[in-house]
Amino acid sequence: MKAGPIIAMVVLVFLGMWLVLQPALARSETDLTISVGAIEIMLDRSESDDGTLEYTVISPARLQSDHKYGPVELDAFIQKQVDEWNARPAFERHLLGFFNITTWGTFGWVMIGLVGQGAFFGRMFVQWIISERSRVSTVPEIFWWFSFIGGVCLFTYFVWRVDIVGVMGQSTGIVIYARNLRLLHKEKCRQEPSAQPTVS
């Protein structure tokens, strides 16, 4: 076995872990997290010169500012977010909650995950159909293409979701799928006639 795929696998695992670790560490450093519907508001707490607690919004990005809220002002700010969330149509609140997203702008990330999951289903479905037709268990080239596309999409999606289990599961698979595609390509090259056409 060549060392290249093993090295690539290890590098991708560590890259995925690093990508997930950054936002996870940022979350652990927050002092207070308040959920408003499907939105998580993360706040830093500090003390003013007179000992009063002050809060600064650090997430989500659309609410970030340098403004420091006192306890009463923070209550009013949170109530405003609750009112804005409740003002949305019920179907929108339910759908955002169902997909576990805060805005429709992030639905693209969910689509990447759904495409990846669809590719994973597609690979098994195609492999099953081809095997049934030939009456022999067969793994066609398209199986590896679907696997690779699905693996890349799901790896990207799990990084966005800050899901270490999903990232580690997909990072090793991507290298295996790419390696199988490379081996198939090399096999095709070997099977092509090596003789060049003669010029008369």
N, C-alpha and C. Protein backbone atom coordinates (compact mmCIF):
# COMPACT_ATOMS: atom_id res chain seq x y z
N MET A 1 0.84 -1.19 0.00
CA MET A 1 0.00 0.00 0.00
C MET A 1 0.88 1.25 0.00
N LYS A 2 0.53 2.22 -0.83
CA LYS A 2 1.31 3.45 -0.94
C LYS A 2 1.05 4.34 0.27
N ALA A 3 2.06 5.13 0.60
CA ALA A 3 1.96 6.02 1.77
C ALA A 3 1.11 7.25 1.47
N GLY A 4 1.04 7.66 0.19
CA GLY A 4 0.32 8.88 -0.19
C GLY A 4 -1.12 8.93 0.33
N PRO A 5 -1.93 7.90 0.04
CA PRO A 5 -3.32 7.95 0.53
C PRO A 5 -3.43 8.00 2.05
N ILE A 6 -2.53 7.28 2.75
CA ILE A 6 -2.56 7.29 4.21
C ILE A 6 -2.24 8.69 4.74
N ILE A 7 -1.23 9.33 4.14
CA ILE A 7 -0.84 10.69 4.55
C ILE A 7 -2.00 11.66 4.27
N ALA A 8 -2.61 11.53 3.07
CA ALA A 8 -3.73 12.40 2.71
C ALA A 8 -4.88 12.22 3.70
N MET A 9 -5.14 10.99 4.11
CA MET A 9 -6.22 10.70 5.05
C MET A 9 -5.95 11.38 6.40
N VAL A 10 -4.71 11.24 6.89
CA VAL A 10 -4.35 11.83 8.17
C VAL A 10 -4.44 13.36 8.10
N VAL A 11 -3.94 13.94 7.01
CA VAL A 11 -3.99 15.40 6.84
C VAL A 11 -5.43 15.89 6.82
N LEU A 12 -6.31 15.17 6.08
CA LEU A 12 -7.71 15.59 6.00
C LEU A 12 -8.42 15.45 7.34
N VAL A 13 -8.10 14.41 8.09
CA VAL A 13 -8.69 14.25 9.43
C VAL A 13 -8.30 15.42 10.32
N PHE A 14 -7.00 15.77 10.33
CA PHE A 14 -6.54 16.87 11.18
C PHE A 14 -7.07 18.22 10.69
N LEU A 15 -7.18 18.39 9.38
CA LEU A 15 -7.74 19.63 8.84
C LEU A 15 -9.20 19.78 9.28
N GLY A 16 -9.96 18.70 9.15
CA GLY A 16 -11.35 18.73 9.58
C GLY A 16 -11.49 19.03 11.06
N MET A 17 -10.66 18.39 11.88
CA MET A 17 -10.70 18.63 13.33
C MET A 17 -10.37 20.08 13.65
N TRP A 18 -9.38 20.64 12.96
CA TRP A 18 -8.99 22.03 13.18
C TRP A 18 -10.12 22.98 12.78
N LEU A 19 -10.78 22.70 11.63
CA LEU A 19 -11.87 23.55 11.17
C LEU A 19 -13.05 23.52 12.14
N VAL A 20 -13.30 22.38 12.76
CA VAL A 20 -14.40 22.26 13.72
C VAL A 20 -14.02 22.85 15.07
N LEU A 21 -12.75 22.73 15.42
CA LEU A 21 -12.30 23.17 16.74
C LEU A 21 -12.39 24.69 16.90
N GLN A 22 -12.13 25.44 15.82
CA GLN A 22 -12.12 26.91 15.92
C GLN A 22 -13.46 27.47 16.41
N PRO A 23 -14.59 27.17 15.73
CA PRO A 23 -15.86 27.71 16.23
C PRO A 23 -16.28 27.08 17.55
N ALA A 24 -15.89 25.82 17.79
CA ALA A 24 -16.25 25.17 19.06
C ALA A 24 -15.58 25.89 20.23
N LEU A 25 -14.31 26.27 20.05
CA LEU A 25 -13.61 27.00 21.10
C LEU A 25 -14.21 28.38 21.31
N ALA A 26 -14.61 29.02 20.20
CA ALA A 26 -15.23 30.35 20.31
C ALA A 26 -16.53 30.26 21.10
N ARG A 27 -17.30 29.20 20.89
CA ARG A 27 -18.56 29.02 21.62
C ARG A 27 -18.30 28.81 23.11
N SER A 28 -17.25 28.04 23.42
CA SER A 28 -16.99 27.73 24.82
C SER A 28 -16.51 28.95 25.60
N GLU A 29 -16.04 29.98 24.88
CA GLU A 29 -15.55 31.18 25.55
C GLU A 29 -16.67 32.19 25.84
N THR A 30 -17.88 31.93 25.35
CA THR A 30 -18.98 32.86 25.60
C THR A 30 -19.50 32.69 27.02
N ASP A 31 -19.96 33.77 27.60
CA ASP A 31 -20.44 33.74 28.98
C ASP A 31 -21.92 33.40 29.08
N LEU A 32 -22.68 33.71 28.03
CA LEU A 32 -24.12 33.51 28.10
C LEU A 32 -24.65 33.25 26.70
N THR A 33 -25.50 32.22 26.57
CA THR A 33 -26.15 31.92 25.30
C THR A 33 -27.65 31.89 25.53
N ILE A 34 -28.38 32.64 24.72
CA ILE A 34 -29.84 32.71 24.83
C ILE A 34 -30.44 32.26 23.51
N SER A 35 -31.34 31.30 23.56
CA SER A 35 -32.02 30.82 22.36
C SER A 35 -33.34 31.56 22.18
N VAL A 36 -33.50 32.11 20.98
CA VAL A 36 -34.75 32.77 20.60
C VAL A 36 -35.24 32.06 19.35
N GLY A 37 -36.20 31.16 19.50
CA GLY A 37 -36.62 30.34 18.37
C GLY A 37 -35.46 29.48 17.93
N ALA A 38 -35.11 29.57 16.64
CA ALA A 38 -33.97 28.81 16.11
C ALA A 38 -32.67 29.60 16.18
N ILE A 39 -32.70 30.79 16.78
CA ILE A 39 -31.52 31.67 16.82
C ILE A 39 -30.84 31.57 18.18
N GLU A 40 -29.52 31.39 18.15
CA GLU A 40 -28.73 31.42 19.38
C GLU A 40 -28.00 32.75 19.46
N ILE A 41 -28.25 33.48 20.53
CA ILE A 41 -27.58 34.76 20.75
C ILE A 41 -26.50 34.53 21.81
N MET A 42 -25.23 34.74 21.43
CA MET A 42 -24.11 34.54 22.35
C MET A 42 -23.61 35.89 22.84
N LEU A 43 -23.39 35.97 24.15
CA LEU A 43 -23.02 37.24 24.77
C LEU A 43 -21.78 37.08 25.64
N ASP A 44 -20.96 38.11 25.65
CA ASP A 44 -19.84 38.22 26.60
C ASP A 44 -20.28 39.10 27.75
N ARG A 45 -19.87 38.72 28.95
CA ARG A 45 -20.24 39.49 30.14
C ARG A 45 -19.00 40.18 30.69
N SER A 46 -19.16 41.41 31.12
CA SER A 46 -18.06 42.14 31.75
C SER A 46 -18.63 43.05 32.84
N GLU A 47 -17.76 43.65 33.59
CA GLU A 47 -18.19 44.58 34.65
C GLU A 47 -17.76 45.99 34.29
N SER A 48 -18.66 46.92 34.51
CA SER A 48 -18.32 48.33 34.29
C SER A 48 -17.52 48.83 35.49
N ASP A 49 -17.09 50.08 35.44
CA ASP A 49 -16.28 50.67 36.53
C ASP A 49 -17.04 50.68 37.86
N ASP A 50 -18.37 50.79 37.77
CA ASP A 50 -19.14 50.83 39.01
C ASP A 50 -19.63 49.44 39.47
N GLY A 51 -19.15 48.38 38.79
CA GLY A 51 -19.48 47.01 39.19
C GLY A 51 -20.75 46.47 38.57
N THR A 52 -21.38 47.24 37.69
CA THR A 52 -22.59 46.77 37.02
C THR A 52 -22.22 45.81 35.90
N LEU A 53 -23.00 44.73 35.75
CA LEU A 53 -22.76 43.78 34.67
C LEU A 53 -23.17 44.38 33.34
N GLU A 54 -22.33 44.14 32.31
CA GLU A 54 -22.62 44.60 30.95
C GLU A 54 -22.46 43.42 30.00
N TYR A 55 -23.23 43.42 28.93
CA TYR A 55 -23.22 42.31 27.98
C TYR A 55 -22.98 42.84 26.57
N THR A 56 -22.16 42.11 25.82
CA THR A 56 -21.88 42.45 24.43
C THR A 56 -22.25 41.26 23.56
N VAL A 57 -23.00 41.51 22.48
CA VAL A 57 -23.41 40.44 21.57
C VAL A 57 -22.22 40.08 20.66
N ILE A 58 -21.88 38.79 20.63
CA ILE A 58 -20.78 38.35 19.76
C ILE A 58 -21.27 37.45 18.63
N SER A 59 -22.50 36.97 18.72
CA SER A 59 -23.08 36.13 17.67
C SER A 59 -24.59 36.13 17.84
N PRO A 60 -25.34 36.11 16.73
CA PRO A 60 -24.96 36.01 15.33
C PRO A 60 -24.40 37.33 14.80
N ALA A 61 -23.75 37.24 13.66
CA ALA A 61 -23.03 38.39 13.10
C ALA A 61 -23.94 39.59 12.87
N ARG A 62 -25.20 39.35 12.49
CA ARG A 62 -26.10 40.48 12.18
C ARG A 62 -26.46 41.30 13.42
N LEU A 63 -26.27 40.72 14.60
CA LEU A 63 -26.57 41.45 15.84
C LEU A 63 -25.33 41.97 16.55
N GLN A 64 -24.15 41.65 16.01
CA GLN A 64 -22.89 42.07 16.65
C GLN A 64 -22.76 43.59 16.66
N SER A 65 -22.23 44.08 17.76
CA SER A 65 -21.88 45.51 17.85
C SER A 65 -20.96 45.69 19.05
N ASP A 66 -20.40 46.87 19.18
CA ASP A 66 -19.54 47.18 20.33
C ASP A 66 -20.37 47.69 21.51
N HIS A 67 -21.67 47.82 21.28
CA HIS A 67 -22.54 48.36 22.33
C HIS A 67 -22.61 47.39 23.52
N LYS A 68 -22.51 47.93 24.73
CA LYS A 68 -22.62 47.13 25.95
C LYS A 68 -24.00 47.36 26.56
N TYR A 69 -24.71 46.25 26.78
CA TYR A 69 -26.07 46.31 27.34
C TYR A 69 -26.02 46.08 28.85
N GLY A 70 -26.69 46.96 29.59
CA GLY A 70 -26.90 46.70 31.01
C GLY A 70 -28.01 45.67 31.16
N PRO A 71 -28.24 45.15 32.39
CA PRO A 71 -29.26 44.11 32.58
C PRO A 71 -30.65 44.50 32.08
N VAL A 72 -31.09 45.71 32.37
CA VAL A 72 -32.43 46.14 31.94
C VAL A 72 -32.48 46.29 30.42
N GLU A 73 -31.43 46.91 29.87
CA GLU A 73 -31.35 47.12 28.43
C GLU A 73 -31.25 45.77 27.70
N LEU A 74 -30.56 44.81 28.30
CA LEU A 74 -30.45 43.47 27.71
C LEU A 74 -31.81 42.80 27.65
N ASP A 75 -32.60 42.93 28.72
CA ASP A 75 -33.95 42.36 28.72
C ASP A 75 -34.78 42.92 27.58
N ALA A 76 -34.68 44.23 27.35
CA ALA A 76 -35.43 44.88 26.27
C ALA A 76 -34.94 44.39 24.90
N PHE A 77 -33.61 44.22 24.79
CA PHE A 77 -33.02 43.73 23.54
C PHE A 77 -33.50 42.31 23.22
N ILE A 78 -33.48 41.45 24.23
CA ILE A 78 -33.92 40.06 24.03
C ILE A 78 -35.41 40.02 23.71
N GLN A 79 -36.20 40.84 24.39
CA GLN A 79 -37.64 40.88 24.12
C GLN A 79 -37.91 41.31 22.68
N LYS A 80 -37.11 42.24 22.19
CA LYS A 80 -37.25 42.69 20.80
C LYS A 80 -36.98 41.53 19.84
N GLN A 81 -35.95 40.72 20.14
CA GLN A 81 -35.63 39.57 19.28
C GLN A 81 -36.77 38.54 19.32
N VAL A 82 -37.35 38.34 20.51
CA VAL A 82 -38.48 37.41 20.65
C VAL A 82 -39.67 37.91 19.84
N ASP A 83 -39.95 39.20 19.92
CA ASP A 83 -41.08 39.78 19.18
C ASP A 83 -40.87 39.65 17.67
N GLU A 84 -39.61 39.88 17.21
CA GLU A 84 -39.31 39.75 15.78
C GLU A 84 -39.47 38.31 15.32
N TRP A 85 -39.03 37.36 16.18
CA TRP A 85 -39.17 35.95 15.84
C TRP A 85 -40.65 35.57 15.76
N ASN A 86 -41.44 36.00 16.72
CA ASN A 86 -42.86 35.66 16.76
C ASN A 86 -43.65 36.35 15.65
N ALA A 87 -43.10 37.46 15.11
CA ALA A 87 -43.78 38.17 14.03
C ALA A 87 -43.67 37.43 12.69
N ARG A 88 -42.73 36.49 12.61
CA ARG A 88 -42.59 35.71 11.38
C ARG A 88 -43.80 34.78 11.23
N PRO A 89 -44.15 34.45 9.98
CA PRO A 89 -45.25 33.50 9.78
C PRO A 89 -44.93 32.16 10.46
N ALA A 90 -45.98 31.49 10.95
CA ALA A 90 -45.78 30.23 11.69
C ALA A 90 -45.05 29.18 10.85
N PHE A 91 -45.41 29.07 9.54
CA PHE A 91 -44.76 28.06 8.71
C PHE A 91 -43.26 28.33 8.58
N GLU A 92 -42.87 29.62 8.54
CA GLU A 92 -41.45 29.97 8.44
C GLU A 92 -40.71 29.59 9.73
N ARG A 93 -41.32 29.88 10.88
CA ARG A 93 -40.70 29.51 12.15
C ARG A 93 -40.53 28.00 12.25
N HIS A 94 -41.55 27.27 11.81
CA HIS A 94 -41.47 25.80 11.88
C HIS A 94 -40.41 25.24 10.94
N LEU A 95 -40.34 25.79 9.73
CA LEU A 95 -39.36 25.29 8.76
C LEU A 95 -37.93 25.61 9.19
N LEU A 96 -37.70 26.83 9.68
CA LEU A 96 -36.37 27.18 10.17
C LEU A 96 -35.98 26.27 11.32
N GLY A 97 -36.91 26.00 12.22
CA GLY A 97 -36.64 25.09 13.32
C GLY A 97 -36.40 23.68 12.85
N PHE A 98 -37.17 23.24 11.84
CA PHE A 98 -37.04 21.89 11.30
C PHE A 98 -35.64 21.67 10.72
N PHE A 99 -35.15 22.66 9.95
CA PHE A 99 -33.82 22.54 9.35
C PHE A 99 -32.70 22.99 10.30
N ASN A 100 -33.08 23.46 11.49
CA ASN A 100 -32.12 23.92 12.50
C ASN A 100 -31.21 25.02 11.95
N ILE A 101 -31.84 26.01 11.31
CA ILE A 101 -31.12 27.16 10.77
C ILE A 101 -31.78 28.43 11.29
N THR A 102 -31.05 29.53 11.20
CA THR A 102 -31.56 30.78 11.76
C THR A 102 -32.16 31.70 10.71
N THR A 103 -31.65 31.62 9.46
CA THR A 103 -32.17 32.46 8.38
C THR A 103 -32.21 31.64 7.10
N TRP A 104 -32.99 32.11 6.15
CA TRP A 104 -33.04 31.41 4.85
C TRP A 104 -31.72 31.55 4.09
N GLY A 105 -30.92 32.53 4.46
CA GLY A 105 -29.61 32.70 3.83
C GLY A 105 -28.68 31.52 4.08
N THR A 106 -28.90 30.80 5.18
CA THR A 106 -28.05 29.64 5.47
C THR A 106 -28.63 28.35 4.92
N PHE A 107 -29.77 28.43 4.22
CA PHE A 107 -30.37 27.22 3.66
C PHE A 107 -29.46 26.58 2.61
N GLY A 108 -28.60 27.38 1.98
CA GLY A 108 -27.64 26.83 1.00
C GLY A 108 -26.77 25.75 1.62
N TRP A 109 -26.38 25.95 2.89
CA TRP A 109 -25.57 24.93 3.57
C TRP A 109 -26.36 23.63 3.75
N VAL A 110 -27.64 23.77 4.07
CA VAL A 110 -28.49 22.58 4.20
C VAL A 110 -28.60 21.86 2.86
N MET A 111 -28.69 22.64 1.77
CA MET A 111 -28.77 22.04 0.44
C MET A 111 -27.50 21.25 0.11
N ILE A 112 -26.34 21.77 0.52
CA ILE A 112 -25.09 21.03 0.30
C ILE A 112 -25.15 19.69 1.02
N GLY A 113 -25.65 19.70 2.26
CA GLY A 113 -25.79 18.46 3.00
C GLY A 113 -26.79 17.51 2.36
N LEU A 114 -27.90 18.05 1.86
CA LEU A 114 -28.91 17.21 1.21
C LEU A 114 -28.39 16.62 -0.10
N VAL A 115 -27.61 17.40 -0.86
CA VAL A 115 -27.00 16.88 -2.09
C VAL A 115 -26.05 15.74 -1.74
N GLY A 116 -25.24 15.93 -0.70
CA GLY A 116 -24.32 14.88 -0.27
C GLY A 116 -25.06 13.62 0.14
N GLN A 117 -26.13 13.77 0.90
CA GLN A 117 -26.90 12.60 1.34
C GLN A 117 -27.58 11.94 0.15
N GLY A 118 -28.06 12.77 -0.80
CA GLY A 118 -28.67 12.22 -2.02
C GLY A 118 -27.67 11.42 -2.84
N ALA A 119 -26.43 11.93 -2.93
CA ALA A 119 -25.39 11.21 -3.66
C ALA A 119 -25.07 9.88 -2.98
N PHE A 120 -25.06 9.87 -1.66
CA PHE A 120 -24.80 8.62 -0.94
C PHE A 120 -25.92 7.60 -1.18
N PHE A 121 -27.17 8.08 -1.20
CA PHE A 121 -28.27 7.17 -1.53
C PHE A 121 -28.13 6.70 -2.97
N GLY A 122 -27.82 7.65 -3.88
CA GLY A 122 -27.70 7.32 -5.30
C GLY A 122 -26.65 6.27 -5.58
N ARG A 123 -25.53 6.31 -4.87
CA ARG A 123 -24.46 5.33 -5.12
C ARG A 123 -24.94 3.92 -4.81
N MET A 124 -25.65 3.75 -3.70
CA MET A 124 -26.12 2.43 -3.33
C MET A 124 -27.24 1.96 -4.26
N PHE A 125 -28.10 2.89 -4.67
CA PHE A 125 -29.21 2.54 -5.56
C PHE A 125 -28.68 2.07 -6.91
N VAL A 126 -27.73 2.83 -7.48
CA VAL A 126 -27.15 2.47 -8.78
C VAL A 126 -26.43 1.13 -8.68
N GLN A 127 -25.65 0.95 -7.61
CA GLN A 127 -24.92 -0.31 -7.43
C GLN A 127 -25.88 -1.49 -7.32
N TRP A 128 -26.98 -1.29 -6.63
CA TRP A 128 -27.98 -2.34 -6.47
C TRP A 128 -28.62 -2.70 -7.81
N ILE A 129 -29.02 -1.66 -8.60
CA ILE A 129 -29.66 -1.90 -9.90
C ILE A 129 -28.72 -2.65 -10.84
N ILE A 130 -27.46 -2.20 -10.91
CA ILE A 130 -26.49 -2.84 -11.82
C ILE A 130 -26.23 -4.28 -11.38
N SER A 131 -26.13 -4.51 -10.09
CA SER A 131 -25.90 -5.87 -9.59
C SER A 131 -27.10 -6.77 -9.88
N GLU A 132 -28.30 -6.22 -9.74
CA GLU A 132 -29.50 -7.02 -10.04
C GLU A 132 -29.57 -7.39 -11.52
N ARG A 133 -29.19 -6.47 -12.38
CA ARG A 133 -29.23 -6.74 -13.82
C ARG A 133 -28.22 -7.80 -14.24
N SER A 134 -27.02 -7.74 -13.64
CA SER A 134 -25.97 -8.70 -14.01
C SER A 134 -26.03 -9.98 -13.18
N ARG A 135 -26.85 -9.98 -12.13
CA ARG A 135 -26.95 -11.12 -11.21
C ARG A 135 -25.63 -11.43 -10.52
N VAL A 136 -24.74 -10.43 -10.48
CA VAL A 136 -23.44 -10.55 -9.79
C VAL A 136 -23.22 -9.24 -9.04
N SER A 137 -22.75 -9.33 -7.78
CA SER A 137 -22.47 -8.11 -7.03
C SER A 137 -21.36 -7.32 -7.72
N THR A 138 -21.70 -6.12 -8.18
CA THR A 138 -20.77 -5.31 -8.98
C THR A 138 -20.69 -3.91 -8.40
N VAL A 139 -19.47 -3.35 -8.40
CA VAL A 139 -19.28 -1.96 -7.97
C VAL A 139 -18.84 -1.15 -9.20
N PRO A 140 -19.77 -0.42 -9.83
CA PRO A 140 -19.42 0.34 -11.04
C PRO A 140 -18.65 1.61 -10.69
N GLU A 141 -18.04 2.21 -11.69
CA GLU A 141 -17.27 3.44 -11.49
C GLU A 141 -18.15 4.57 -10.95
N ILE A 142 -19.41 4.63 -11.41
CA ILE A 142 -20.31 5.70 -10.96
C ILE A 142 -20.51 5.64 -9.45
N PHE A 143 -20.42 4.46 -8.87
CA PHE A 143 -20.53 4.30 -7.41
C PHE A 143 -19.47 5.15 -6.72
N TRP A 144 -18.24 5.10 -7.22
CA TRP A 144 -17.15 5.86 -6.59
C TRP A 144 -17.29 7.36 -6.83
N TRP A 145 -17.84 7.74 -8.02
CA TRP A 145 -18.07 9.17 -8.28
C TRP A 145 -19.13 9.72 -7.33
N PHE A 146 -20.24 8.98 -7.19
CA PHE A 146 -21.28 9.40 -6.25
C PHE A 146 -20.73 9.47 -4.82
N SER A 147 -19.90 8.49 -4.47
CA SER A 147 -19.32 8.46 -3.12
C SER A 147 -18.43 9.68 -2.88
N PHE A 148 -17.60 10.01 -3.87
CA PHE A 148 -16.68 11.13 -3.73
C PHE A 148 -17.45 12.45 -3.62
N ILE A 149 -18.42 12.66 -4.51
CA ILE A 149 -19.22 13.90 -4.48
C ILE A 149 -19.98 14.00 -3.15
N GLY A 150 -20.60 12.89 -2.75
CA GLY A 150 -21.33 12.88 -1.48
C GLY A 150 -20.43 13.14 -0.30
N GLY A 151 -19.23 12.53 -0.32
CA GLY A 151 -18.28 12.72 0.78
C GLY A 151 -17.82 14.16 0.91
N VAL A 152 -17.50 14.80 -0.22
CA VAL A 152 -17.05 16.20 -0.19
C VAL A 152 -18.18 17.11 0.31
N CYS A 153 -19.40 16.89 -0.21
CA CYS A 153 -20.55 17.71 0.22
C CYS A 153 -20.81 17.55 1.72
N LEU A 154 -20.81 16.31 2.20
CA LEU A 154 -21.11 16.08 3.61
C LEU A 154 -19.97 16.57 4.51
N PHE A 155 -18.72 16.44 4.06
CA PHE A 155 -17.59 16.97 4.83
C PHE A 155 -17.77 18.48 5.01
N THR A 156 -18.10 19.18 3.91
CA THR A 156 -18.32 20.63 3.95
C THR A 156 -19.47 20.98 4.89
N TYR A 157 -20.56 20.23 4.76
CA TYR A 157 -21.74 20.47 5.59
C TYR A 157 -21.43 20.26 7.07
N PHE A 158 -20.72 19.18 7.41
CA PHE A 158 -20.42 18.89 8.81
C PHE A 158 -19.44 19.90 9.40
N VAL A 159 -18.54 20.44 8.58
CA VAL A 159 -17.66 21.51 9.07
C VAL A 159 -18.51 22.72 9.43
N TRP A 160 -19.47 23.07 8.57
CA TRP A 160 -20.35 24.20 8.86
C TRP A 160 -21.18 23.95 10.12
N ARG A 161 -21.63 22.72 10.30
CA ARG A 161 -22.44 22.37 11.47
C ARG A 161 -21.59 22.20 12.74
N VAL A 162 -20.27 22.23 12.59
CA VAL A 162 -19.34 22.03 13.71
C VAL A 162 -19.63 20.65 14.34
N ASP A 163 -19.65 19.64 13.48
CA ASP A 163 -19.96 18.26 13.88
C ASP A 163 -18.71 17.40 13.70
N ILE A 164 -17.98 17.17 14.78
CA ILE A 164 -16.70 16.45 14.69
C ILE A 164 -16.89 15.00 14.26
N VAL A 165 -18.00 14.36 14.67
CA VAL A 165 -18.24 12.96 14.30
C VAL A 165 -18.42 12.85 12.78
N GLY A 166 -19.24 13.72 12.21
CA GLY A 166 -19.45 13.71 10.77
C GLY A 166 -18.19 14.05 9.99
N VAL A 167 -17.43 15.02 10.47
CA VAL A 167 -16.19 15.43 9.79
C VAL A 167 -15.20 14.27 9.75
N MET A 168 -15.02 13.59 10.88
CA MET A 168 -14.07 12.49 10.93
C MET A 168 -14.53 11.33 10.06
N GLY A 169 -15.83 11.08 10.03
CA GLY A 169 -16.35 9.99 9.21
C GLY A 169 -16.14 10.24 7.72
N GLN A 170 -16.34 11.47 7.28
CA GLN A 170 -16.22 11.78 5.86
C GLN A 170 -14.78 12.01 5.41
N SER A 171 -13.93 12.52 6.30
CA SER A 171 -12.56 12.86 5.89
C SER A 171 -11.80 11.62 5.43
N THR A 172 -11.98 10.49 6.11
CA THR A 172 -11.28 9.27 5.69
C THR A 172 -11.90 8.72 4.42
N GLY A 173 -13.23 8.79 4.31
CA GLY A 173 -13.91 8.25 3.14
C GLY A 173 -13.53 8.95 1.85
N ILE A 174 -13.39 10.28 1.89
CA ILE A 174 -13.06 11.05 0.69
C ILE A 174 -11.78 10.53 0.04
N VAL A 175 -10.77 10.26 0.86
CA VAL A 175 -9.49 9.77 0.32
C VAL A 175 -9.68 8.39 -0.31
N ILE A 176 -10.45 7.53 0.33
CA ILE A 176 -10.68 6.19 -0.20
C ILE A 176 -11.42 6.26 -1.54
N TYR A 177 -12.42 7.13 -1.63
CA TYR A 177 -13.17 7.25 -2.88
C TYR A 177 -12.28 7.80 -3.99
N ALA A 178 -11.48 8.81 -3.67
CA ALA A 178 -10.58 9.40 -4.66
C ALA A 178 -9.54 8.38 -5.11
N ARG A 179 -9.05 7.59 -4.18
CA ARG A 179 -8.04 6.57 -4.52
C ARG A 179 -8.64 5.52 -5.45
N ASN A 180 -9.86 5.09 -5.20
CA ASN A 180 -10.49 4.10 -6.08
C ASN A 180 -10.71 4.67 -7.48
N LEU A 181 -11.09 5.94 -7.57
CA LEU A 181 -11.23 6.57 -8.89
C LEU A 181 -9.89 6.63 -9.61
N ARG A 182 -8.82 6.92 -8.86
CA ARG A 182 -7.48 6.95 -9.46
C ARG A 182 -7.07 5.57 -9.97
N LEU A 183 -7.34 4.54 -9.19
CA LEU A 183 -7.00 3.17 -9.60
C LEU A 183 -7.79 2.76 -10.84
N LEU A 184 -9.06 3.14 -10.91
CA LEU A 184 -9.87 2.83 -12.09
C LEU A 184 -9.32 3.54 -13.32
N HIS A 185 -8.90 4.80 -13.15
CA HIS A 185 -8.33 5.56 -14.26
C HIS A 185 -7.04 4.90 -14.76
N LYS A 186 -6.20 4.48 -13.84
CA LYS A 186 -4.94 3.82 -14.23
C LYS A 186 -5.22 2.51 -14.94
N GLU A 187 -6.24 1.79 -14.49
CA GLU A 187 -6.60 0.52 -15.13
C GLU A 187 -7.08 0.75 -16.55
N LYS A 188 -7.87 1.80 -16.76
CA LYS A 188 -8.34 2.14 -18.11
C LYS A 188 -7.17 2.47 -19.03
N CYS A 189 -6.20 3.21 -18.50
CA CYS A 189 -5.01 3.58 -19.29
C CYS A 189 -4.22 2.34 -19.69
N ARG A 190 -4.13 1.37 -18.78
CA ARG A 190 -3.39 0.14 -19.09
C ARG A 190 -4.11 -0.69 -20.15
N GLN A 191 -5.42 -0.63 -20.17
CA GLN A 191 -6.19 -1.44 -21.11
C GLN A 191 -6.26 -0.82 -22.50
N GLU A 192 -5.95 0.47 -22.61
CA GLU A 192 -5.97 1.11 -23.94
C GLU A 192 -4.81 0.58 -24.77
N PRO A 193 -5.05 0.38 -26.06
CA PRO A 193 -3.95 -0.12 -26.92
C PRO A 193 -2.77 0.85 -26.92
N SER A 194 -1.60 0.31 -26.70
CA SER A 194 -0.40 1.14 -26.63
C SER A 194 0.15 1.50 -27.99
N ALA A 195 -0.26 0.74 -29.01
CA ALA A 195 0.27 0.99 -30.35
C ALA A 195 -0.30 2.27 -30.93
N GLN A 196 0.55 3.12 -31.41
CA GLN A 196 0.12 4.36 -32.04
C GLN A 196 -0.20 4.10 -33.51
N PRO A 197 -1.21 4.78 -34.07
CA PRO A 197 -1.51 4.57 -35.49
C PRO A 197 -0.33 4.98 -36.38
N THR A 198 -0.05 4.16 -37.36
CA THR A 198 1.10 4.44 -38.24
C THR A 198 0.68 5.44 -39.32
N VAL A 199 1.60 6.29 -39.70
CA VAL A 199 1.32 7.29 -40.74
C VAL A 199 1.82 6.73 -42.06
N SER A 200 0.95 6.66 -43.07
CA SER A 200 1.35 6.12 -44.36
C SER A 200 1.84 7.21 -45.29
